[in-house]
Amino acid sequence: MDDRDRRDPDRPPRDDALGPGEVDDTPTITCERCDRAWDLEYELTELAVGNQAVQQFALDHHRHTGHYPDGIATWQASCRQCPETVERLEESAAKRWAETHARHTRHSVAIEHGEDEQTVVTAPEE
């Protein structure tokens, strides 16, 4: 859905609502695969997710399309011994899962992000 679809039809477009000298600093997300762009006004005003707006939009986009918008790369944590794996948008979430899995199973977990080098999490020594 584009910006017009997500807005109240009786409300004027954002650009028309700006006064002289005002800047529209609403974040915008693009998706080359969908050939579209969205501003995140809905996430900021209606969902009130604040600084999580980009993350919320990316998760919703993935849920509805099966892919992430441009510029969003997930962190993958994969166990090296069993089939357990997770995909997270934040490094800290992937690392937290990897540390927990390693602590409970004593398995090593590889964390990858796009083209970055792989990080391996191992169980702590007792």
Protein backbone atom coordinates (compact mmCIF):
# COMPACT_ATOMS: atom_id res chain seq x y z
CA MET A 1 0.00 0.00 0.00
CA ASP A 2 1.38 3.42 -0.80
CA ASP A 3 1.15 6.57 1.33
CA ARG A 4 -2.25 7.49 -0.08
CA ASP A 5 -3.64 4.10 0.92
CA ARG A 6 -2.50 4.45 4.53
CA ARG A 7 -3.78 7.98 5.10
CA ASP A 8 -7.20 9.31 6.01
CA PRO A 9 -8.71 10.31 2.63
CA ASP A 10 -10.07 13.52 4.15
CA ARG A 11 -6.66 14.60 5.42
CA PRO A 12 -4.49 16.59 3.00
CA PRO A 13 -1.18 15.08 1.86
CA ARG A 14 1.74 15.88 4.16
CA ASP A 15 3.45 18.24 1.72
CA ASP A 16 0.32 20.41 1.58
CA ALA A 17 0.19 20.58 5.38
CA LEU A 18 3.70 22.07 5.71
CA GLY A 19 4.01 25.76 6.31
CA PRO A 20 6.65 28.00 4.74
CA GLY A 21 10.15 27.10 5.90
CA GLU A 22 9.04 23.84 7.55
CA VAL A 23 10.98 20.67 6.82
CA ASP A 24 9.39 17.25 6.35
CA ASP A 25 11.77 14.95 8.21
CA THR A 26 9.52 11.90 8.21
CA PRO A 27 11.67 8.83 7.47
CA THR A 28 11.13 7.16 4.11
CA ILE A 29 11.65 3.50 3.22
CA THR A 30 12.07 2.20 -0.31
CA CYS A 31 11.80 -1.25 -1.83
CA GLU A 32 13.30 -1.79 -5.24
CA ARG A 33 11.59 -5.18 -5.58
CA CYS A 34 8.18 -3.58 -5.02
CA ASP A 35 9.19 -0.44 -6.95
CA ARG A 36 7.68 1.74 -4.21
CA ALA A 37 8.51 4.11 -1.39
CA TRP A 38 6.67 4.78 1.86
CA ASP A 39 6.98 7.47 4.47
CA LEU A 40 6.73 6.25 8.05
CA GLU A 41 4.14 8.77 9.22
CA TYR A 42 1.70 5.94 9.93
CA GLU A 43 4.20 4.10 12.15
CA LEU A 44 5.07 7.31 13.98
CA THR A 45 1.55 8.73 14.49
CA GLU A 46 -0.88 5.82 14.40
CA LEU A 47 1.28 2.99 15.79
CA ALA A 48 3.32 5.35 18.00
CA VAL A 49 6.43 3.16 17.75
CA GLY A 50 8.82 6.12 17.84
CA ASN A 51 12.44 5.27 17.07
CA GLN A 52 11.37 1.69 16.23
CA ALA A 53 9.40 2.90 13.16
CA VAL A 54 11.90 1.63 10.59
CA GLN A 55 12.18 -1.73 12.33
CA GLN A 56 8.40 -2.07 12.65
CA PHE A 57 7.88 -1.22 8.98
CA ALA A 58 10.60 -3.68 7.91
CA LEU A 59 9.04 -6.49 9.95
CA ASP A 60 5.56 -5.74 8.60
CA HIS A 61 6.90 -5.53 5.04
CA HIS A 62 8.64 -8.88 5.40
CA ARG A 63 5.53 -10.47 6.90
CA HIS A 64 3.40 -9.31 3.95
CA THR A 65 5.87 -9.69 1.06
CA GLY A 66 8.44 -12.27 2.16
CA HIS A 67 11.35 -9.84 1.73
CA TYR A 68 12.79 -6.83 3.54
CA PRO A 69 12.87 -3.29 2.13
CA ASP A 70 16.06 -1.75 0.74
CA GLY A 71 18.91 -1.27 3.20
CA ILE A 72 17.59 -3.76 5.76
CA ALA A 73 19.88 -6.72 6.40
CA THR A 74 19.15 -9.18 9.14
CA TRP A 75 21.48 -10.85 11.61
CA GLN A 76 21.40 -14.65 11.38
CA ALA A 77 22.43 -16.86 14.26
CA SER A 78 22.87 -20.52 13.34
CA CYS A 79 23.85 -23.36 15.61
CA ARG A 80 26.83 -25.32 14.29
CA GLN A 81 25.58 -28.61 15.76
CA CYS A 82 21.77 -28.64 15.51
CA PRO A 83 19.24 -27.13 13.07
CA GLU A 84 18.32 -24.21 15.35
CA THR A 85 18.57 -20.78 13.70
CA VAL A 86 17.08 -17.32 14.13
CA GLU A 87 16.97 -14.14 12.08
CA ARG A 88 16.84 -10.78 13.86
CA LEU A 89 16.95 -7.15 12.78
CA GLU A 90 19.17 -6.11 15.68
CA GLU A 91 22.62 -7.46 16.38
CA SER A 92 21.98 -7.50 20.13
CA ALA A 93 18.92 -9.73 19.69
CA ALA A 94 20.82 -12.26 17.55
CA LYS A 95 23.74 -12.22 19.99
CA ARG A 96 21.42 -12.67 22.98
CA TRP A 97 19.80 -15.71 21.31
CA ALA A 98 23.22 -17.15 20.41
CA GLU A 99 24.55 -16.73 23.95
CA THR A 100 21.43 -18.30 25.46
CA HIS A 101 21.51 -21.23 23.03
CA ALA A 102 25.23 -21.80 23.64
CA ARG A 103 24.78 -21.63 27.41
CA HIS A 104 21.91 -24.15 27.44
CA THR A 105 23.17 -26.59 24.82
CA ARG A 106 26.96 -26.15 24.89
CA HIS A 107 26.77 -25.71 21.09
CA SER A 108 28.74 -23.08 19.17
CA VAL A 109 26.61 -20.56 17.27
CA ALA A 110 27.67 -18.56 14.21
CA ILE A 111 26.35 -15.01 13.81
CA GLU A 112 26.36 -13.46 10.33
CA HIS A 113 25.25 -10.12 8.92
CA GLY A 114 25.25 -9.52 5.18
CA GLU A 115 28.82 -9.60 3.88
CA ASP A 116 30.39 -9.07 7.34
CA GLU A 117 32.69 -11.66 8.87
CA GLN A 118 31.16 -14.43 10.89
CA THR A 119 31.26 -14.25 14.69
CA VAL A 120 31.18 -17.46 16.72
CA VAL A 121 29.62 -17.63 20.18
CA THR A 122 30.65 -20.52 22.40
CA ALA A 123 29.38 -21.73 25.74
CA PRO A 124 30.96 -20.06 28.77
CA GLU A 125 33.54 -22.05 30.75
CA GLU A 126 32.33 -23.40 34.06
